[in-house]
Full PDB file with SEQRES, HELIX, SHEET, SSBOND, CRYST1, ORIGX, SCALE, CONECT and MASTER records, all heavy atoms in Angstrom:
SEQRES   1 A   37  ASP ALA ALA THR PHE LEU ASP ARG ILE TYR ILE ASN ARG          
SEQRES   2 A   37  PHE SER THR LEU PRO VAL GLY LYS ALA ARG TYR GLY VAL          
SEQRES   3 A   37  MET LEU ARG GLU ASP GLY PHE VAL LEU ASP ASP                  
HELIX    1 AA1 ALA A    2  ILE A    9  1                                   8    
CRYST1    1.000    1.000    1.000  90.00  90.00  90.00 P 1           1          
ORIGX1      1.000000  0.000000  0.000000        0.00000                         
ORIGX2      0.000000  1.000000  0.000000        0.00000                         
ORIGX3      0.000000  0.000000  1.000000        0.00000                         
SCALE1      1.000000  0.000000  0.000000        0.00000                         
SCALE2      0.000000  1.000000  0.000000        0.00000                         
SCALE3      0.000000  0.000000  1.000000        0.00000                         
ATOM      1  N   ASP A   1       0.812  -1.212   0.000  1.00  0.00           N  
ATOM      2  CA  ASP A   1       0.000   0.000   0.000  1.00  0.00           C  
ATOM      3  C   ASP A   1       0.853   1.272   0.000  1.00  0.00           C  
ATOM      4  O   ASP A   1       0.339   2.365   0.277  1.00  0.00           O  
ATOM      5  CB  ASP A   1      -0.922   0.015   1.225  1.00  0.00           C  
ATOM      6  CG  ASP A   1      -1.981  -1.074   1.175  1.00  0.00           C  
ATOM      7  OD1 ASP A   1      -2.471  -1.359   0.065  1.00  0.00           O  
ATOM      8  OD2 ASP A   1      -2.303  -1.637   2.233  1.00  0.00           O  
ATOM      9  N   ALA A   2       2.135   1.141  -0.332  1.00  0.00           N  
ATOM     10  CA  ALA A   2       3.025   2.311  -0.313  1.00  0.00           C  
ATOM     11  C   ALA A   2       2.539   3.385  -1.283  1.00  0.00           C  
ATOM     12  O   ALA A   2       2.545   4.576  -0.951  1.00  0.00           O  
ATOM     13  CB  ALA A   2       4.454   1.895  -0.657  1.00  0.00           C  
ATOM     14  N   ALA A   3       2.089   2.976  -2.469  1.00  0.00           N  
ATOM     15  CA  ALA A   3       1.618   3.941  -3.462  1.00  0.00           C  
ATOM     16  C   ALA A   3       0.371   4.665  -2.966  1.00  0.00           C  
ATOM     17  O   ALA A   3       0.237   5.888  -3.113  1.00  0.00           O  
ATOM     18  CB  ALA A   3       1.349   3.248  -4.788  1.00  0.00           C  
ATOM     19  N   THR A   4      -0.556   3.923  -2.367  1.00  0.00           N  
ATOM     20  CA  THR A   4      -1.770   4.520  -1.818  1.00  0.00           C  
ATOM     21  C   THR A   4      -1.433   5.510  -0.710  1.00  0.00           C  
ATOM     22  O   THR A   4      -2.005   6.609  -0.625  1.00  0.00           O  
ATOM     23  CB  THR A   4      -2.695   3.429  -1.269  1.00  0.00           C  
ATOM     24  OG1 THR A   4      -3.056   2.543  -2.333  1.00  0.00           O  
ATOM     25  CG2 THR A   4      -3.952   4.011  -0.645  1.00  0.00           C  
ATOM     26  N   PHE A   5      -0.508   5.128   0.142  1.00  0.00           N  
ATOM     27  CA  PHE A   5      -0.087   5.990   1.251  1.00  0.00           C  
ATOM     28  C   PHE A   5       0.471   7.314   0.732  1.00  0.00           C  
ATOM     29  O   PHE A   5       0.082   8.396   1.204  1.00  0.00           O  
ATOM     30  CB  PHE A   5       0.955   5.249   2.093  1.00  0.00           C  
ATOM     31  CG  PHE A   5       1.486   6.029   3.253  1.00  0.00           C  
ATOM     32  CD1 PHE A   5       0.727   6.213   4.397  1.00  0.00           C  
ATOM     33  CD2 PHE A   5       2.757   6.589   3.215  1.00  0.00           C  
ATOM     34  CE1 PHE A   5       1.222   6.937   5.485  1.00  0.00           C  
ATOM     35  CE2 PHE A   5       3.265   7.308   4.283  1.00  0.00           C  
ATOM     36  CZ  PHE A   5       2.491   7.482   5.422  1.00  0.00           C  
ATOM     37  N   LEU A   6       1.357   7.253  -0.258  1.00  0.00           N  
ATOM     38  CA  LEU A   6       1.959   8.476  -0.788  1.00  0.00           C  
ATOM     39  C   LEU A   6       0.930   9.334  -1.523  1.00  0.00           C  
ATOM     40  O   LEU A   6       1.010  10.567  -1.485  1.00  0.00           O  
ATOM     41  CB  LEU A   6       3.133   8.137  -1.701  1.00  0.00           C  
ATOM     42  CG  LEU A   6       4.350   7.519  -1.006  1.00  0.00           C  
ATOM     43  CD1 LEU A   6       5.452   7.226  -2.017  1.00  0.00           C  
ATOM     44  CD2 LEU A   6       4.881   8.430   0.101  1.00  0.00           C  
ATOM     45  N   ASP A   7      -0.032   8.697  -2.179  1.00  0.00           N  
ATOM     46  CA  ASP A   7      -1.106   9.464  -2.825  1.00  0.00           C  
ATOM     47  C   ASP A   7      -1.880  10.294  -1.801  1.00  0.00           C  
ATOM     48  O   ASP A   7      -2.342  11.399  -2.105  1.00  0.00           O  
ATOM     49  CB  ASP A   7      -2.076   8.532  -3.543  1.00  0.00           C  
ATOM     50  CG  ASP A   7      -1.614   8.166  -4.943  1.00  0.00           C  
ATOM     51  OD1 ASP A   7      -0.627   8.755  -5.416  1.00  0.00           O  
ATOM     52  OD2 ASP A   7      -2.243   7.287  -5.567  1.00  0.00           O  
ATOM     53  N   ARG A   8      -2.022   9.775  -0.602  1.00  0.00           N  
ATOM     54  CA  ARG A   8      -2.760  10.492   0.431  1.00  0.00           C  
ATOM     55  C   ARG A   8      -1.906  11.556   1.126  1.00  0.00           C  
ATOM     56  O   ARG A   8      -2.441  12.514   1.679  1.00  0.00           O  
ATOM     57  CB  ARG A   8      -3.292   9.501   1.472  1.00  0.00           C  
ATOM     58  CG  ARG A   8      -4.301   8.512   0.925  1.00  0.00           C  
ATOM     59  CD  ARG A   8      -4.766   7.551   2.020  1.00  0.00           C  
ATOM     60  NE  ARG A   8      -5.656   6.518   1.493  1.00  0.00           N  
ATOM     61  CZ  ARG A   8      -6.207   5.563   2.246  1.00  0.00           C  
ATOM     62  NH1 ARG A   8      -5.947   5.526   3.564  1.00  0.00           N  
ATOM     63  NH2 ARG A   8      -7.001   4.659   1.716  1.00  0.00           N  
ATOM     64  N   ILE A   9      -0.594  11.374   1.107  1.00  0.00           N  
ATOM     65  CA  ILE A   9       0.317  12.303   1.773  1.00  0.00           C  
ATOM     66  C   ILE A   9       0.626  13.507   0.882  1.00  0.00           C  
ATOM     67  O   ILE A   9       0.639  14.657   1.352  1.00  0.00           O  
ATOM     68  CB  ILE A   9       1.617  11.583   2.172  1.00  0.00           C  
ATOM     69  CG1 ILE A   9       1.365  10.620   3.337  1.00  0.00           C  
ATOM     70  CG2 ILE A   9       2.717  12.589   2.512  1.00  0.00           C  
ATOM     71  CD1 ILE A   9       1.038  11.299   4.666  1.00  0.00           C  
ATOM     72  N   TYR A  10       0.890  13.259  -0.402  1.00  0.00           N  
ATOM     73  CA  TYR A  10       1.272  14.326  -1.324  1.00  0.00           C  
ATOM     74  C   TYR A  10       0.046  14.880  -2.049  1.00  0.00           C  
ATOM     75  O   TYR A  10      -0.946  14.179  -2.233  1.00  0.00           O  
ATOM     76  CB  TYR A  10       2.258  13.808  -2.370  1.00  0.00           C  
ATOM     77  CG  TYR A  10       3.664  13.569  -1.859  1.00  0.00           C  
ATOM     78  CD1 TYR A  10       4.091  12.289  -1.513  1.00  0.00           C  
ATOM     79  CD2 TYR A  10       4.579  14.615  -1.767  1.00  0.00           C  
ATOM     80  CE1 TYR A  10       5.386  12.063  -1.065  1.00  0.00           C  
ATOM     81  CE2 TYR A  10       5.877  14.399  -1.325  1.00  0.00           C  
ATOM     82  CZ  TYR A  10       6.278  13.124  -0.974  1.00  0.00           C  
ATOM     83  OH  TYR A  10       7.552  12.908  -0.541  1.00  0.00           O  
ATOM     84  N   ILE A  11       0.146  16.135  -2.499  1.00  0.00           N  
ATOM     85  CA  ILE A  11      -0.966  16.722  -3.240  1.00  0.00           C  
ATOM     86  C   ILE A  11      -1.056  16.158  -4.654  1.00  0.00           C  
ATOM     87  O   ILE A  11      -2.125  16.206  -5.279  1.00  0.00           O  
ATOM     88  CB  ILE A  11      -0.861  18.261  -3.295  1.00  0.00           C  
ATOM     89  CG1 ILE A  11       0.345  18.722  -4.125  1.00  0.00           C  
ATOM     90  CG2 ILE A  11      -0.785  18.848  -1.895  1.00  0.00           C  
ATOM     91  CD1 ILE A  11       0.408  20.242  -4.329  1.00  0.00           C  
ATOM     92  N   ASN A  12       0.040  15.631  -5.170  1.00  0.00           N  
ATOM     93  CA  ASN A  12       0.027  15.030  -6.496  1.00  0.00           C  
ATOM     94  C   ASN A  12       0.107  13.508  -6.375  1.00  0.00           C  
ATOM     95  O   ASN A  12       0.336  12.965  -5.297  1.00  0.00           O  
ATOM     96  CB  ASN A  12       1.147  15.588  -7.381  1.00  0.00           C  
ATOM     97  CG  ASN A  12       2.493  15.670  -6.695  1.00  0.00           C  
ATOM     98  OD1 ASN A  12       2.597  15.821  -5.487  1.00  0.00           O  
ATOM     99  ND2 ASN A  12       3.550  15.563  -7.478  1.00  0.00           N  
ATOM    100  N   ARG A  13      -0.102  12.833  -7.488  1.00  0.00           N  
ATOM    101  CA  ARG A  13      -0.266  11.377  -7.480  1.00  0.00           C  
ATOM    102  C   ARG A  13       1.068  10.671  -7.699  1.00  0.00           C  
ATOM    103  O   ARG A  13       1.847  11.043  -8.583  1.00  0.00           O  
ATOM    104  CB  ARG A  13      -1.265  10.964  -8.566  1.00  0.00           C  
ATOM    105  CG  ARG A  13      -1.756   9.534  -8.445  1.00  0.00           C  
ATOM    106  CD  ARG A  13      -2.752   9.215  -9.542  1.00  0.00           C  
ATOM    107  NE  ARG A  13      -4.006   9.917  -9.402  1.00  0.00           N  
ATOM    108  CZ  ARG A  13      -5.009   9.532  -8.611  1.00  0.00           C  
ATOM    109  NH1 ARG A  13      -4.880   8.448  -7.868  1.00  0.00           N  
ATOM    110  NH2 ARG A  13      -6.133  10.215  -8.576  1.00  0.00           N  
ATOM    111  N   PHE A  14       1.310   9.623  -6.901  1.00  0.00           N  
ATOM    112  CA  PHE A  14       2.531   8.820  -7.046  1.00  0.00           C  
ATOM    113  C   PHE A  14       2.255   7.356  -7.381  1.00  0.00           C  
ATOM    114  O   PHE A  14       3.168   6.615  -7.694  1.00  0.00           O  
ATOM    115  CB  PHE A  14       3.386   8.930  -5.776  1.00  0.00           C  
ATOM    116  CG  PHE A  14       4.140  10.222  -5.705  1.00  0.00           C  
ATOM    117  CD1 PHE A  14       3.570  11.337  -5.106  1.00  0.00           C  
ATOM    118  CD2 PHE A  14       5.391  10.352  -6.277  1.00  0.00           C  
ATOM    119  CE1 PHE A  14       4.240  12.540  -5.058  1.00  0.00           C  
ATOM    120  CE2 PHE A  14       6.069  11.558  -6.242  1.00  0.00           C  
ATOM    121  CZ  PHE A  14       5.496  12.662  -5.638  1.00  0.00           C  
ATOM    122  N   SER A  15       1.002   6.961  -7.331  1.00  0.00           N  
ATOM    123  CA  SER A  15       0.676   5.585  -7.702  1.00  0.00           C  
ATOM    124  C   SER A  15       0.869   5.360  -9.201  1.00  0.00           C  
ATOM    125  O   SER A  15       1.047   4.223  -9.650  1.00  0.00           O  
ATOM    126  CB  SER A  15      -0.769   5.258  -7.306  1.00  0.00           C  
ATOM    127  OG  SER A  15      -1.675   6.180  -7.891  1.00  0.00           O  
ATOM    128  N   THR A  16       0.829   6.429  -9.997  1.00  0.00           N  
ATOM    129  CA  THR A  16       1.016   6.313 -11.449  1.00  0.00           C  
ATOM    130  C   THR A  16       2.478   6.449 -11.863  1.00  0.00           C  
ATOM    131  O   THR A  16       2.793   6.338 -13.049  1.00  0.00           O  
ATOM    132  CB  THR A  16       0.202   7.400 -12.165  1.00  0.00           C  
ATOM    133  OG1 THR A  16       0.615   8.690 -11.683  1.00  0.00           O  
ATOM    134  CG2 THR A  16      -1.291   7.226 -11.908  1.00  0.00           C  
ATOM    135  N   LEU A  17       3.360   6.684 -10.905  1.00  0.00           N  
ATOM    136  CA  LEU A  17       4.774   6.854 -11.218  1.00  0.00           C  
ATOM    137  C   LEU A  17       5.374   5.518 -11.640  1.00  0.00           C  
ATOM    138  O   LEU A  17       5.308   4.533 -10.901  1.00  0.00           O  
ATOM    139  CB  LEU A  17       5.512   7.393  -9.991  1.00  0.00           C  
ATOM    140  CG  LEU A  17       7.003   7.700 -10.139  1.00  0.00           C  
ATOM    141  CD1 LEU A  17       7.222   8.852 -11.118  1.00  0.00           C  
ATOM    142  CD2 LEU A  17       7.619   8.031  -8.781  1.00  0.00           C  
ATOM    143  N   PRO A  18       5.957   5.418 -12.833  1.00  0.00           N  
ATOM    144  CA  PRO A  18       6.556   4.148 -13.259  1.00  0.00           C  
ATOM    145  C   PRO A  18       7.772   3.774 -12.401  1.00  0.00           C  
ATOM    146  O   PRO A  18       8.459   4.652 -11.866  1.00  0.00           O  
ATOM    147  CB  PRO A  18       6.982   4.418 -14.705  1.00  0.00           C  
ATOM    148  CG  PRO A  18       6.238   5.644 -15.128  1.00  0.00           C  
ATOM    149  CD  PRO A  18       6.059   6.450 -13.887  1.00  0.00           C  
ATOM    150  N   VAL A  19       8.040   2.496 -12.271  1.00  0.00           N  
ATOM    151  CA  VAL A  19       9.273   2.043 -11.632  1.00  0.00           C  
ATOM    152  C   VAL A  19      10.451   2.579 -12.443  1.00  0.00           C  
ATOM    153  O   VAL A  19      10.457   2.549 -13.672  1.00  0.00           O  
ATOM    154  CB  VAL A  19       9.320   0.506 -11.554  1.00  0.00           C  
ATOM    155  CG1 VAL A  19      10.670   0.025 -11.032  1.00  0.00           C  
ATOM    156  CG2 VAL A  19       8.185  -0.017 -10.679  1.00  0.00           C  
ATOM    157  N   GLY A  20      11.438   3.103 -11.755  1.00  0.00           N  
ATOM    158  CA  GLY A  20      12.595   3.672 -12.433  1.00  0.00           C  
ATOM    159  C   GLY A  20      12.468   5.149 -12.744  1.00  0.00           C  
ATOM    160  O   GLY A  20      13.269   5.702 -13.489  1.00  0.00           O  
ATOM    161  N   LYS A  21      11.462   5.804 -12.143  1.00  0.00           N  
ATOM    162  CA  LYS A  21      11.277   7.237 -12.352  1.00  0.00           C  
ATOM    163  C   LYS A  21      11.106   7.940 -11.004  1.00  0.00           C  
ATOM    164  O   LYS A  21      10.687   7.336 -10.013  1.00  0.00           O  
ATOM    165  CB  LYS A  21      10.053   7.517 -13.227  1.00  0.00           C  
ATOM    166  CG  LYS A  21      10.168   6.959 -14.638  1.00  0.00           C  
ATOM    167  CD  LYS A  21      11.181   7.737 -15.489  1.00  0.00           C  
ATOM    168  CE  LYS A  21      10.623   9.078 -15.915  1.00  0.00           C  
ATOM    169  NZ  LYS A  21      11.536   9.784 -16.853  1.00  0.00           N  
ATOM    170  N   ALA A  22      11.407   9.227 -10.986  1.00  0.00           N  
ATOM    171  CA  ALA A  22      11.222  10.071  -9.808  1.00  0.00           C  
ATOM    172  C   ALA A  22      10.260  11.193 -10.161  1.00  0.00           C  
ATOM    173  O   ALA A  22      10.068  11.527 -11.338  1.00  0.00           O  
ATOM    174  CB  ALA A  22      12.561  10.635  -9.335  1.00  0.00           C  
ATOM    175  N   ARG A  23       9.658  11.785  -9.137  1.00  0.00           N  
ATOM    176  CA  ARG A  23       8.700  12.876  -9.357  1.00  0.00           C  
ATOM    177  C   ARG A  23       8.789  13.852  -8.194  1.00  0.00           C  
ATOM    178  O   ARG A  23       8.941  13.446  -7.040  1.00  0.00           O  
ATOM    179  CB  ARG A  23       7.287  12.315  -9.491  1.00  0.00           C  
ATOM    180  CG  ARG A  23       6.186  13.353  -9.742  1.00  0.00           C  
ATOM    181  CD  ARG A  23       4.854  12.654  -9.995  1.00  0.00           C  
ATOM    182  NE  ARG A  23       4.866  11.936 -11.264  1.00  0.00           N  
ATOM    183  CZ  ARG A  23       3.960  11.019 -11.617  1.00  0.00           C  
ATOM    184  NH1 ARG A  23       2.986  10.698 -10.783  1.00  0.00           N  
ATOM    185  NH2 ARG A  23       4.048  10.414 -12.783  1.00  0.00           N  
ATOM    186  N   TYR A  24       8.702  15.133  -8.516  1.00  0.00           N  
ATOM    187  CA  TYR A  24       8.666  16.177  -7.493  1.00  0.00           C  
ATOM    188  C   TYR A  24       7.296  16.176  -6.832  1.00  0.00           C  
ATOM    189  O   TYR A  24       6.268  15.982  -7.492  1.00  0.00           O  
ATOM    190  CB  TYR A  24       8.943  17.531  -8.138  1.00  0.00           C  
ATOM    191  CG  TYR A  24       8.835  18.717  -7.195  1.00  0.00           C  
ATOM    192  CD1 TYR A  24       9.843  18.996  -6.278  1.00  0.00           C  
ATOM    193  CD2 TYR A  24       7.731  19.558  -7.231  1.00  0.00           C  
ATOM    194  CE1 TYR A  24       9.753  20.090  -5.424  1.00  0.00           C  
ATOM    195  CE2 TYR A  24       7.628  20.653  -6.386  1.00  0.00           C  
ATOM    196  CZ  TYR A  24       8.646  20.913  -5.484  1.00  0.00           C  
ATOM    197  OH  TYR A  24       8.541  21.984  -4.635  1.00  0.00           O  
ATOM    198  N   GLY A  25       7.267  16.377  -5.507  1.00  0.00           N  
ATOM    199  CA  GLY A  25       6.007  16.368  -4.797  1.00  0.00           C  
ATOM    200  C   GLY A  25       5.959  17.391  -3.686  1.00  0.00           C  
ATOM    201  O   GLY A  25       6.998  17.842  -3.178  1.00  0.00           O  
ATOM    202  N   VAL A  26       4.735  17.758  -3.295  1.00  0.00           N  
ATOM    203  CA  VAL A  26       4.502  18.708  -2.206  1.00  0.00           C  
ATOM    204  C   VAL A  26       3.541  18.073  -1.227  1.00  0.00           C  
ATOM    205  O   VAL A  26       2.526  17.481  -1.631  1.00  0.00           O  
ATOM    206  CB  VAL A  26       3.908  20.029  -2.748  1.00  0.00           C  
ATOM    207  CG1 VAL A  26       3.520  20.953  -1.605  1.00  0.00           C  
ATOM    208  CG2 VAL A  26       4.893  20.712  -3.681  1.00  0.00           C  
ATOM    209  N   MET A  27       3.847  18.170   0.067  1.00  0.00           N  
ATOM    210  CA  MET A  27       2.935  17.663   1.097  1.00  0.00           C  
ATOM    211  C   MET A  27       2.481  18.826   1.980  1.00  0.00           C  
ATOM    212  O   MET A  27       3.223  19.780   2.207  1.00  0.00           O  
ATOM    213  CB  MET A  27       3.583  16.552   1.927  1.00  0.00           C  
ATOM    214  CG  MET A  27       4.829  16.932   2.680  1.00  0.00           C  
ATOM    215  SD  MET A  27       5.513  15.545   3.655  1.00  0.00           S  
ATOM    216  CE  MET A  27       6.134  14.473   2.346  1.00  0.00           C  
ATOM    217  N   LEU A  28       1.232  18.742   2.446  1.00  0.00           N  
ATOM    218  CA  LEU A  28       0.637  19.790   3.261  1.00  0.00           C  
ATOM    219  C   LEU A  28       0.463  19.336   4.698  1.00  0.00           C  
ATOM    220  O   LEU A  28       0.368  18.138   4.983  1.00  0.00           O  
ATOM    221  CB  LEU A  28      -0.745  20.178   2.717  1.00  0.00           C  
ATOM    222  CG  LEU A  28      -0.879  20.501   1.228  1.00  0.00           C  
ATOM    223  CD1 LEU A  28      -2.317  20.891   0.908  1.00  0.00           C  
ATOM    224  CD2 LEU A  28       0.087  21.589   0.804  1.00  0.00           C  
ATOM    225  N   ARG A  29       0.392  20.306   5.597  1.00  0.00           N  
ATOM    226  CA  ARG A  29      -0.074  20.026   6.945  1.00  0.00           C  
ATOM    227  C   ARG A  29      -1.590  19.859   6.887  1.00  0.00           C  
ATOM    228  O   ARG A  29      -2.227  20.156   5.871  1.00  0.00           O  
ATOM    229  CB  ARG A  29       0.279  21.183   7.881  1.00  0.00           C  
ATOM    230  CG  ARG A  29       1.750  21.482   7.982  1.00  0.00           C  
ATOM    231  CD  ARG A  29       2.036  22.504   9.083  1.00  0.00           C  
ATOM    232  NE  ARG A  29       1.152  23.653   9.042  1.00  0.00           N  
ATOM    233  CZ  ARG A  29       1.563  24.920   9.055  1.00  0.00           C  
ATOM    234  NH1 ARG A  29       2.856  25.181   9.086  1.00  0.00           N  
ATOM    235  NH2 ARG A  29       0.698  25.922   9.037  1.00  0.00           N  
ATOM    236  N   GLU A  30      -2.190  19.463   7.988  1.00  0.00           N  
ATOM    237  CA  GLU A  30      -3.637  19.287   8.017  1.00  0.00           C  
ATOM    238  C   GLU A  30      -4.384  20.600   7.820  1.00  0.00           C  
ATOM    239  O   GLU A  30      -5.539  20.601   7.373  1.00  0.00           O  
ATOM    240  CB  GLU A  30      -4.061  18.642   9.342  1.00  0.00           C  
ATOM    241  CG  GLU A  30      -3.624  17.186   9.466  1.00  0.00           C  
ATOM    242  CD  GLU A  30      -4.023  16.584  10.797  1.00  0.00           C  
ATOM    243  OE1 GLU A  30      -3.277  16.774  11.770  1.00  0.00           O  
ATOM    244  OE2 GLU A  30      -5.088  15.944  10.858  1.00  0.00           O  
ATOM    245  N   ASP A  31      -3.747  21.738   8.123  1.00  0.00           N  
ATOM    246  CA  ASP A  31      -4.410  23.031   7.958  1.00  0.00           C  
ATOM    247  C   ASP A  31      -4.306  23.573   6.539  1.00  0.00           C  
ATOM    248  O   ASP A  31      -4.759  24.689   6.261  1.00  0.00           O  
ATOM    249  CB  ASP A  31      -3.876  24.054   8.957  1.00  0.00           C  
ATOM    250  CG  ASP A  31      -2.378  24.330   8.796  1.00  0.00           C  
ATOM    251  OD1 ASP A  31      -1.753  23.780   7.867  1.00  0.00           O  
ATOM    252  OD2 ASP A  31      -1.825  25.098   9.609  1.00  0.00           O  
ATOM    253  N   GLY A  32      -3.704  22.819   5.627  1.00  0.00           N  
ATOM    254  CA  GLY A  32      -3.641  23.208   4.232  1.00  0.00           C  
ATOM    255  C   GLY A  32      -2.385  23.936   3.814  1.00  0.00           C  
ATOM    256  O   GLY A  32      -2.174  24.173   2.617  1.00  0.00           O  
ATOM    257  N   PHE A  33      -1.539  24.296   4.768  1.00  0.00           N  
ATOM    258  CA  PHE A  33      -0.294  24.980   4.429  1.00  0.00           C  
ATOM    259  C   PHE A  33       0.791  23.968   4.093  1.00  0.00           C  
ATOM    260  O   PHE A  33       0.769  22.833   4.573  1.00  0.00           O  
ATOM    261  CB  PHE A  33       0.148  25.877   5.586  1.00  0.00           C  
ATOM    262  CG  PHE A  33      -0.723  27.086   5.777  1.00  0.00           C  
ATOM    263  CD1 PHE A  33      -1.847  27.040   6.575  1.00  0.00           C  
ATOM    264  CD2 PHE A  33      -0.414  28.280   5.137  1.00  0.00           C  
ATOM    265  CE1 PHE A  33      -2.659  28.158   6.757  1.00  0.00           C  
ATOM    266  CE2 PHE A  33      -1.212  29.409   5.305  1.00  0.00           C  
ATOM    267  CZ  PHE A  33      -2.339  29.344   6.111  1.00  0.00           C  
ATOM    268  N   VAL A  34       1.747  24.397   3.270  1.00  0.00           N  
ATOM    269  CA  VAL A  34       2.808  23.496   2.825  1.00  0.00           C  
ATOM    270  C   VAL A  34       3.676  23.086   4.004  1.00  0.00           C  
ATOM    271  O   VAL A  34       4.152  23.934   4.771  1.00  0.00           O  
ATOM    272  CB  VAL A  34       3.664  24.161   1.733  1.00  0.00           C  
ATOM    273  CG1 VAL A  34       4.857  23.263   1.376  1.00  0.00           C  
ATOM    274  CG2 VAL A  34       2.839  24.436   0.488  1.00  0.00           C  
ATOM    275  N   LEU A  35       3.889  21.793   4.145  1.00  0.00           N  
ATOM    276  CA  LEU A  35       4.810  21.257   5.150  1.00  0.00           C  
ATOM    277  C   LEU A  35       6.207  21.134   4.572  1.00  0.00           C  
ATOM    278  O   LEU A  35       7.184  21.572   5.166  1.00  0.00           O  
ATOM    279  CB  LEU A  35       4.320  19.898   5.651  1.00  0.00           C  
ATOM    280  CG  LEU A  35       5.293  19.100   6.525  1.00  0.00           C  
ATOM    281  CD1 LEU A  35       5.576  19.854   7.820  1.00  0.00           C  
ATOM    282  CD2 LEU A  35       4.737  17.706   6.828  1.00  0.00           C  
ATOM    283  N   ASP A  36       6.315  20.526   3.394  1.00  0.00           N  
ATOM    284  CA  ASP A  36       7.634  20.265   2.820  1.00  0.00           C  
ATOM    285  C   ASP A  36       7.487  19.909   1.352  1.00  0.00           C  
ATOM    286  O   ASP A  36       6.385  19.609   0.867  1.00  0.00           O  
ATOM    287  CB  ASP A  36       8.328  19.121   3.571  1.00  0.00           C  
ATOM    288  CG  ASP A  36       9.846  19.141   3.400  1.00  0.00           C  
ATOM    289  OD1 ASP A  36      10.445  20.208   3.614  1.00  0.00           O  
ATOM    290  OD2 ASP A  36      10.415  18.102   3.042  1.00  0.00           O  
ATOM    291  N   ASP A  37       8.604  19.932   0.654  1.00  0.00           N  
ATOM    292  CA  ASP A  37       8.636  19.463  -0.728  1.00  0.00           C  
ATOM    293  C   ASP A  37       9.834  18.547  -0.905  1.00  0.00           C  
ATOM    294  O   ASP A  37      10.677  18.427  -0.012  1.00  0.00           O  
ATOM    295  CB  ASP A  37       8.686  20.631  -1.719  1.00  0.00           C  
ATOM    296  CG  ASP A  37      10.043  21.344  -1.721  1.00  0.00           C  
ATOM    297  OD1 ASP A  37      10.792  21.228  -0.722  1.00  0.00           O  
ATOM    298  OD2 ASP A  37      10.353  22.015  -2.716  1.00  0.00           O  
TER     299      ASP A  37                                                      
MASTER        0    0    0    1    0    0    0    6  298    1    0    3          
END                                                                             
């Protein structure tokens, strides 16, 4: 369930990321503000 977990953590989708690829992502705090990238 790693892909599902990351889909819920990041604002963008990682379950569609092919094996052997990387993607930039942004995660928010619960209040909607950016936590980290």
